[in-house]
Amino acid sequence: MGDLVDQCEARGLVTREPDPRDARARLVQFTPTGLLWLQAFKDAVAQAEREFRDEVGQDIATVVKIGLEAYAGGLA
């Protein structure tokens, strides 16, 4: 996770600030650019989901979603 935060920080998407409650910890926060990127990512996922649903139909899209949720739950 630290490597991912390092990469995001290097791209200006997040900052690390000292945690006022714990001197050992750092708070990771999105920058304005990071928030724009996050919204663009959410929009892209929503568009991909719409396109998939339009292509295969609601019933199949629902089955795939349930399957992916079950798969992701097994990874934890």
PDB file of N, CA and C in Angstrom:
ATOM      1  N   MET A   1       0.835  -1.188   0.000  1.00  0.00           N
ATOM      2  CA  MET A   1       0.000   0.000   0.000  1.00  0.00           C
ATOM      3  C   MET A   1       0.876   1.245   0.000  1.00  0.00           C
ATOM      4  N   GLY A   2       1.992   1.176   0.720  1.00  0.00           N
ATOM      5  CA  GLY A   2       2.886   2.329   0.763  1.00  0.00           C
ATOM      6  C   GLY A   2       3.410   2.708  -0.606  1.00  0.00           C
ATOM      7  N   ASP A   3       3.705   1.703  -1.436  1.00  0.00           N
ATOM      8  CA  ASP A   3       4.179   1.985  -2.798  1.00  0.00           C
ATOM      9  C   ASP A   3       3.106   2.689  -3.617  1.00  0.00           C
ATOM     10  N   LEU A   4       1.858   2.261  -3.456  1.00  0.00           N
ATOM     11  CA  LEU A   4       0.759   2.897  -4.180  1.00  0.00           C
ATOM     12  C   LEU A   4       0.605   4.356  -3.755  1.00  0.00           C
ATOM     13  N   VAL A   5       0.679   4.614  -2.460  1.00  0.00           N
ATOM     14  CA  VAL A   5       0.583   5.992  -1.967  1.00  0.00           C
ATOM     15  C   VAL A   5       1.767   6.808  -2.493  1.00  0.00           C
ATOM     16  N   ASP A   6       2.960   6.219  -2.503  1.00  0.00           N
ATOM     17  CA  ASP A   6       4.132   6.910  -3.058  1.00  0.00           C
ATOM     18  C   ASP A   6       3.885   7.316  -4.504  1.00  0.00           C
ATOM     19  N   GLN A   7       3.343   6.403  -5.301  1.00  0.00           N
ATOM     20  CA  GLN A   7       3.075   6.687  -6.717  1.00  0.00           C
ATOM     21  C   GLN A   7       2.028   7.792  -6.867  1.00  0.00           C
ATOM     22  N   CYS A   8       0.977   7.718  -6.077  1.00  0.00           N
ATOM     23  CA  CYS A   8      -0.075   8.743  -6.150  1.00  0.00           C
ATOM     24  C   CYS A   8       0.460  10.099  -5.702  1.00  0.00           C
ATOM     25  N   GLU A   9       1.295  10.096  -4.686  1.00  0.00           N
ATOM     26  CA  GLU A   9       1.887  11.345  -4.206  1.00  0.00           C
ATOM     27  C   GLU A   9       2.812  11.939  -5.272  1.00  0.00           C
ATOM     28  N   ALA A  10       3.594  11.100  -5.933  1.00  0.00           N
ATOM     29  CA  ALA A  10       4.503  11.574  -6.986  1.00  0.00           C
ATOM     30  C   ALA A  10       3.741  12.193  -8.154  1.00  0.00           C
ATOM     31  N   ARG A  11       2.520  11.754  -8.377  1.00  0.00           N
ATOM     32  CA  ARG A  11       1.693  12.289  -9.471  1.00  0.00           C
ATOM     33  C   ARG A  11       0.811  13.456  -9.016  1.00  0.00           C
ATOM     34  N   GLY A  12       0.945  13.835  -7.765  1.00  0.00           N
ATOM     35  CA  GLY A  12       0.181  14.973  -7.263  1.00  0.00           C
ATOM     36  C   GLY A  12      -1.269  14.666  -6.945  1.00  0.00           C
ATOM     37  N   LEU A  13      -1.592  13.384  -6.756  1.00  0.00           N
ATOM     38  CA  LEU A  13      -2.974  13.000  -6.484  1.00  0.00           C
ATOM     39  C   LEU A  13      -3.311  13.014  -5.002  1.00  0.00           C
ATOM     40  N   VAL A  14      -2.309  12.817  -4.149  1.00  0.00           N
ATOM     41  CA  VAL A  14      -2.522  12.819  -2.702  1.00  0.00           C
ATOM     42  C   VAL A  14      -1.373  13.555  -2.013  1.00  0.00           C
ATOM     43  N   THR A  15      -1.638  13.925  -0.776  1.00  0.00           N
ATOM     44  CA  THR A  15      -0.588  14.477   0.087  1.00  0.00           C
ATOM     45  C   THR A  15      -0.561  13.651   1.367  1.00  0.00           C
ATOM     46  N   ARG A  16       0.571  13.709   2.042  1.00  0.00           N
ATOM     47  CA  ARG A  16       0.704  13.076   3.359  1.00  0.00           C
ATOM     48  C   ARG A  16       0.951  14.192   4.357  1.00  0.00           C
ATOM     49  N   GLU A  17       0.124  14.228   5.371  1.00  0.00           N
ATOM     50  CA  GLU A  17       0.237  15.245   6.405  1.00  0.00           C
ATOM     51  C   GLU A  17       0.419  14.558   7.757  1.00  0.00           C
ATOM     52  N   PRO A  18       1.103  15.197   8.679  1.00  0.00           N
ATOM     53  CA  PRO A  18       1.228  14.606  10.014  1.00  0.00           C
ATOM     54  C   PRO A  18      -0.148  14.451  10.669  1.00  0.00           C
ATOM     55  N   ASP A  19      -0.328  13.360  11.372  1.00  0.00           N
ATOM     56  CA  ASP A  19      -1.573  13.134  12.106  1.00  0.00           C
ATOM     57  C   ASP A  19      -1.438  13.834  13.451  1.00  0.00           C
ATOM     58  N   PRO A  20      -2.281  14.835  13.745  1.00  0.00           N
ATOM     59  CA  PRO A  20      -2.148  15.565  15.006  1.00  0.00           C
ATOM     60  C   PRO A  20      -2.418  14.699  16.242  1.00  0.00           C
ATOM     61  N   ARG A  21      -3.052  13.550  16.048  1.00  0.00           N
ATOM     62  CA  ARG A  21      -3.361  12.673  17.177  1.00  0.00           C
ATOM     63  C   ARG A  21      -2.306  11.600  17.410  1.00  0.00           C
ATOM     64  N   ASP A  22      -1.425  11.382  16.408  1.00  0.00           N
ATOM     65  CA  ASP A  22      -0.435  10.309  16.517  1.00  0.00           C
ATOM     66  C   ASP A  22       0.793  10.711  15.709  1.00  0.00           C
ATOM     67  N   ALA A  23       1.861  11.079  16.387  1.00  0.00           N
ATOM     68  CA  ALA A  23       3.061  11.579  15.718  1.00  0.00           C
ATOM     69  C   ALA A  23       3.699  10.536  14.810  1.00  0.00           C
ATOM     70  N   ARG A  24       3.397   9.269  15.019  1.00  0.00           N
ATOM     71  CA  ARG A  24       3.968   8.210  14.170  1.00  0.00           C
ATOM     72  C   ARG A  24       3.228   8.070  12.849  1.00  0.00           C
ATOM     73  N   ALA A  25       2.015   8.568  12.783  1.00  0.00           N
ATOM     74  CA  ALA A  25       1.145   8.340  11.625  1.00  0.00           C
ATOM     75  C   ALA A  25       1.125   9.538  10.690  1.00  0.00           C
ATOM     76  N   ARG A  26       0.732   9.273   9.458  1.00  0.00           N
ATOM     77  CA  ARG A  26       0.526  10.319   8.454  1.00  0.00           C
ATOM     78  C   ARG A  26      -0.889  10.166   7.899  1.00  0.00           C
ATOM     79  N   LEU A  27      -1.526  11.285   7.633  1.00  0.00           N
ATOM     80  CA  LEU A  27      -2.847  11.284   7.012  1.00  0.00           C
ATOM     81  C   LEU A  27      -2.671  11.459   5.510  1.00  0.00           C
ATOM     82  N   VAL A  28      -3.271  10.578   4.741  1.00  0.00           N
ATOM     83  CA  VAL A  28      -3.219  10.665   3.281  1.00  0.00           C
ATOM     84  C   VAL A  28      -4.527  11.292   2.825  1.00  0.00           C
ATOM     85  N   GLN A  29      -4.397  12.403   2.076  1.00  0.00           N
ATOM     86  CA  GLN A  29      -5.588  13.121   1.619  1.00  0.00           C
ATOM     87  C   GLN A  29      -5.472  13.409   0.131  1.00  0.00           C
ATOM     88  N   PHE A  30      -6.613  13.358  -0.563  1.00  0.00           N
ATOM     89  CA  PHE A  30      -6.622  13.704  -1.982  1.00  0.00           C
ATOM     90  C   PHE A  30      -6.347  15.192  -2.168  1.00  0.00           C
ATOM     91  N   THR A  31      -5.601  15.508  -3.212  1.00  0.00           N
ATOM     92  CA  THR A  31      -5.427  16.888  -3.636  1.00  0.00           C
ATOM     93  C   THR A  31      -6.619  17.246  -4.531  1.00  0.00           C
ATOM     94  N   PRO A  32      -6.788  18.527  -4.883  1.00  0.00           N
ATOM     95  CA  PRO A  32      -7.846  18.854  -5.847  1.00  0.00           C
ATOM     96  C   PRO A  32      -7.698  18.069  -7.157  1.00  0.00           C
ATOM     97  N   THR A  33      -6.473  17.899  -7.626  1.00  0.00           N
ATOM     98  CA  THR A  33      -6.238  17.109  -8.838  1.00  0.00           C
ATOM     99  C   THR A  33      -6.630  15.653  -8.600  1.00  0.00           C
ATOM    100  N   GLY A  34      -6.301  15.142  -7.422  1.00  0.00           N
ATOM    101  CA  GLY A  34      -6.665  13.771  -7.088  1.00  0.00           C
ATOM    102  C   GLY A  34      -8.170  13.570  -7.041  1.00  0.00           C
ATOM    103  N   LEU A  35      -8.882  14.546  -6.521  1.00  0.00           N
ATOM    104  CA  LEU A  35     -10.347  14.454  -6.479  1.00  0.00           C
ATOM    105  C   LEU A  35     -10.935  14.465  -7.888  1.00  0.00           C
ATOM    106  N   LEU A  36     -10.360  15.272  -8.776  1.00  0.00           N
ATOM    107  CA  LEU A  36     -10.812  15.269 -10.175  1.00  0.00           C
ATOM    108  C   LEU A  36     -10.555  13.912 -10.812  1.00  0.00           C
ATOM    109  N   TRP A  37      -9.366  13.342 -10.559  1.00  0.00           N
ATOM    110  CA  TRP A  37      -9.025  12.029 -11.095  1.00  0.00           C
ATOM    111  C   TRP A  37      -9.987  10.975 -10.554  1.00  0.00           C
ATOM    112  N   LEU A  38     -10.274  11.032  -9.248  1.00  0.00           N
ATOM    113  CA  LEU A  38     -11.171  10.068  -8.631  1.00  0.00           C
ATOM    114  C   LEU A  38     -12.560  10.137  -9.266  1.00  0.00           C
ATOM    115  N   GLN A  39     -13.062  11.333  -9.502  1.00  0.00           N
ATOM    116  CA  GLN A  39     -14.382  11.471 -10.128  1.00  0.00           C
ATOM    117  C   GLN A  39     -14.359  10.945 -11.558  1.00  0.00           C
ATOM    118  N   ALA A  40     -13.284  11.231 -12.291  1.00  0.00           N
ATOM    119  CA  ALA A  40     -13.169  10.720 -13.658  1.00  0.00           C
ATOM    120  C   ALA A  40     -13.138   9.194 -13.663  1.00  0.00           C
ATOM    121  N   PHE A  41     -12.452   8.595 -12.689  1.00  0.00           N
ATOM    122  CA  PHE A  41     -12.405   7.142 -12.576  1.00  0.00           C
ATOM    123  C   PHE A  41     -13.801   6.582 -12.296  1.00  0.00           C
ATOM    124  N   LYS A  42     -14.520   7.202 -11.348  1.00  0.00           N
ATOM    125  CA  LYS A  42     -15.879   6.754 -11.035  1.00  0.00           C
ATOM    126  C   LYS A  42     -16.778   6.855 -12.257  1.00  0.00           C
ATOM    127  N   ASP A  43     -16.651   7.958 -13.005  1.00  0.00           N
ATOM    128  CA  ASP A  43     -17.452   8.147 -14.217  1.00  0.00           C
ATOM    129  C   ASP A  43     -17.130   7.075 -15.256  1.00  0.00           C
ATOM    130  N   ALA A  44     -15.846   6.736 -15.404  1.00  0.00           N
ATOM    131  CA  ALA A  44     -15.439   5.721 -16.377  1.00  0.00           C
ATOM    132  C   ALA A  44     -15.977   4.345 -16.001  1.00  0.00           C
ATOM    133  N   VAL A  45     -15.947   4.022 -14.704  1.00  0.00           N
ATOM    134  CA  VAL A  45     -16.490   2.736 -14.251  1.00  0.00           C
ATOM    135  C   VAL A  45     -17.991   2.686 -14.510  1.00  0.00           C
ATOM    136  N   ALA A  46     -18.692   3.752 -14.201  1.00  0.00           N
ATOM    137  CA  ALA A  46     -20.142   3.796 -14.423  1.00  0.00           C
ATOM    138  C   ALA A  46     -20.459   3.643 -15.911  1.00  0.00           C
ATOM    139  N   GLN A  47     -19.677   4.294 -16.764  1.00  0.00           N
ATOM    140  CA  GLN A  47     -19.895   4.174 -18.206  1.00  0.00           C
ATOM    141  C   GLN A  47     -19.648   2.738 -18.670  1.00  0.00           C
ATOM    142  N   ALA A  48     -18.572   2.124 -18.192  1.00  0.00           N
ATOM    143  CA  ALA A  48     -18.276   0.736 -18.569  1.00  0.00           C
ATOM    144  C   ALA A  48     -19.397  -0.198 -18.117  1.00  0.00           C
ATOM    145  N   GLU A  49     -19.912   0.028 -16.920  1.00  0.00           N
ATOM    146  CA  GLU A  49     -21.016  -0.800 -16.425  1.00  0.00           C
ATOM    147  C   GLU A  49     -22.262  -0.623 -17.285  1.00  0.00           C
ATOM    148  N   ARG A  50     -22.562   0.626 -17.669  1.00  0.00           N
ATOM    149  CA  ARG A  50     -23.727   0.881 -18.543  1.00  0.00           C
ATOM    150  C   ARG A  50     -23.551   0.185 -19.893  1.00  0.00           C
ATOM    151  N   GLU A  51     -22.363   0.324 -20.481  1.00  0.00           N
ATOM    152  CA  GLU A  51     -22.108  -0.278 -21.786  1.00  0.00           C
ATOM    153  C   GLU A  51     -22.206  -1.801 -21.706  1.00  0.00           C
ATOM    154  N   PHE A  52     -21.668  -2.390 -20.639  1.00  0.00           N
ATOM    155  CA  PHE A  52     -21.756  -3.829 -20.460  1.00  0.00           C
ATOM    156  C   PHE A  52     -23.211  -4.265 -20.340  1.00  0.00           C
ATOM    157  N   ARG A  53     -23.961  -3.564 -19.491  1.00  0.00           N
ATOM    158  CA  ARG A  53     -25.378  -3.880 -19.283  1.00  0.00           C
ATOM    159  C   ARG A  53     -26.162  -3.745 -20.588  1.00  0.00           C
ATOM    160  N   ASP A  54     -25.869  -2.694 -21.357  1.00  0.00           N
ATOM    161  CA  ASP A  54     -26.559  -2.494 -22.635  1.00  0.00           C
ATOM    162  C   ASP A  54     -26.224  -3.608 -23.630  1.00  0.00           C
ATOM    163  N   GLU A  55     -25.012  -4.118 -23.565  1.00  0.00           N
ATOM    164  CA  GLU A  55     -24.564  -5.148 -24.494  1.00  0.00           C
ATOM    165  C   GLU A  55     -25.127  -6.528 -24.158  1.00  0.00           C
ATOM    166  N   VAL A  56     -25.108  -6.900 -22.862  1.00  0.00           N
ATOM    167  CA  VAL A  56     -25.498  -8.266 -22.479  1.00  0.00           C
ATOM    168  C   VAL A  56     -26.895  -8.356 -21.885  1.00  0.00           C
ATOM    169  N   GLY A  57     -27.476  -7.232 -21.510  1.00  0.00           N
ATOM    170  CA  GLY A  57     -28.794  -7.229 -20.886  1.00  0.00           C
ATOM    171  C   GLY A  57     -28.698  -7.199 -19.371  1.00  0.00           C
ATOM    172  N   GLN A  58     -29.774  -6.712 -18.767  1.00  0.00           N
ATOM    173  CA  GLN A  58     -29.804  -6.525 -17.316  1.00  0.00           C
ATOM    174  C   GLN A  58     -29.631  -7.832 -16.554  1.00  0.00           C
ATOM    175  N   ASP A  59     -30.306  -8.900 -17.004  1.00  0.00           N
ATOM    176  CA  ASP A  59     -30.253 -10.163 -16.263  1.00  0.00           C
ATOM    177  C   ASP A  59     -28.837 -10.719 -16.194  1.00  0.00           C
ATOM    178  N   ILE A  60     -28.153 -10.773 -17.330  1.00  0.00           N
ATOM    179  CA  ILE A  60     -26.786 -11.299 -17.348  1.00  0.00           C
ATOM    180  C   ILE A  60     -25.856 -10.377 -16.576  1.00  0.00           C
ATOM    181  N   ALA A  61     -26.029  -9.074 -16.716  1.00  0.00           N
ATOM    182  CA  ALA A  61     -25.195  -8.122 -15.980  1.00  0.00           C
ATOM    183  C   ALA A  61     -25.351  -8.317 -14.475  1.00  0.00           C
ATOM    184  N   THR A  62     -26.558  -8.587 -14.031  1.00  0.00           N
ATOM    185  CA  THR A  62     -26.796  -8.822 -12.604  1.00  0.00           C
ATOM    186  C   THR A  62     -26.103 -10.095 -12.134  1.00  0.00           C
ATOM    187  N   VAL A  63     -26.183 -11.150 -12.923  1.00  0.00           N
ATOM    188  CA  VAL A  63     -25.522 -12.412 -12.562  1.00  0.00           C
ATOM    189  C   VAL A  63     -24.008 -12.208 -12.490  1.00  0.00           C
ATOM    190  N   VAL A  64     -23.448 -11.492 -13.451  1.00  0.00           N
ATOM    191  CA  VAL A  64     -22.008 -11.231 -13.447  1.00  0.00           C
ATOM    192  C   VAL A  64     -21.627 -10.413 -12.211  1.00  0.00           C
ATOM    193  N   LYS A  65     -22.424  -9.402 -11.897  1.00  0.00           N
ATOM    194  CA  LYS A  65     -22.145  -8.574 -10.719  1.00  0.00           C
ATOM    195  C   LYS A  65     -22.154  -9.405  -9.444  1.00  0.00           C
ATOM    196  N   ILE A  66     -23.149 -10.255  -9.304  1.00  0.00           N
ATOM    197  CA  ILE A  66     -23.227 -11.120  -8.112  1.00  0.00           C
ATOM    198  C   ILE A  66     -22.014 -12.040  -8.046  1.00  0.00           C
ATOM    199  N   GLY A  67     -21.632 -12.598  -9.184  1.00  0.00           N
ATOM    200  CA  GLY A  67     -20.458 -13.467  -9.229  1.00  0.00           C
ATOM    201  C   GLY A  67     -19.186 -12.737  -8.847  1.00  0.00           C
ATOM    202  N   LEU A  68     -19.010 -11.516  -9.351  1.00  0.00           N
ATOM    203  CA  LEU A  68     -17.820 -10.738  -9.024  1.00  0.00           C
ATOM    204  C   LEU A  68     -17.795 -10.351  -7.549  1.00  0.00           C
ATOM    205  N   GLU A  69     -18.949 -10.007  -7.004  1.00  0.00           N
ATOM    206  CA  GLU A  69     -19.022  -9.679  -5.580  1.00  0.00           C
ATOM    207  C   GLU A  69     -18.660 -10.890  -4.730  1.00  0.00           C
ATOM    208  N   ALA A  70     -19.147 -12.076  -5.125  1.00  0.00           N
ATOM    209  CA  ALA A  70     -18.825 -13.290  -4.378  1.00  0.00           C
ATOM    210  C   ALA A  70     -17.332 -13.599  -4.487  1.00  0.00           C
ATOM    211  N   TYR A  71     -16.776 -13.414  -5.681  1.00  0.00           N
ATOM    212  CA  TYR A  71     -15.346 -13.654  -5.887  1.00  0.00           C
ATOM    213  C   TYR A  71     -14.518 -12.699  -5.032  1.00  0.00           C
ATOM    214  N   ALA A  72     -14.885 -11.418  -5.053  1.00  0.00           N
ATOM    215  CA  ALA A  72     -14.140 -10.419  -4.265  1.00  0.00           C
ATOM    216  C   ALA A  72     -14.265 -10.705  -2.778  1.00  0.00           C
ATOM    217  N   GLY A  73     -15.407 -11.173  -2.342  1.00  0.00           N
ATOM    218  CA  GLY A  73     -15.593 -11.512  -0.930  1.00  0.00           C
ATOM    219  C   GLY A  73     -14.707 -12.666  -0.499  1.00  0.00           C
ATOM    220  N   GLY A  74     -14.394 -13.556  -1.405  1.00  0.00           N
ATOM    221  CA  GLY A  74     -13.534 -14.683  -1.093  1.00  0.00           C
ATOM    222  C   GLY A  74     -12.066 -14.322  -1.047  1.00  0.00           C
ATOM    223  N   LEU A  75     -11.718 -13.125  -1.534  1.00  0.00           N
ATOM    224  CA  LEU A  75     -10.317 -12.682  -1.535  1.00  0.00           C
ATOM    225  C   LEU A  75      -9.904 -12.104  -0.200  1.00  0.00           C
ATOM    226  N   ALA A  76     -10.870 -11.694   0.579  1.00  0.00           N
ATOM    227  CA  ALA A  76     -10.555 -11.022   1.846  1.00  0.00           C
ATOM    228  C   ALA A  76      -9.989 -11.944   2.878  1.00  0.00           C
TER     229      ALA A  76
END
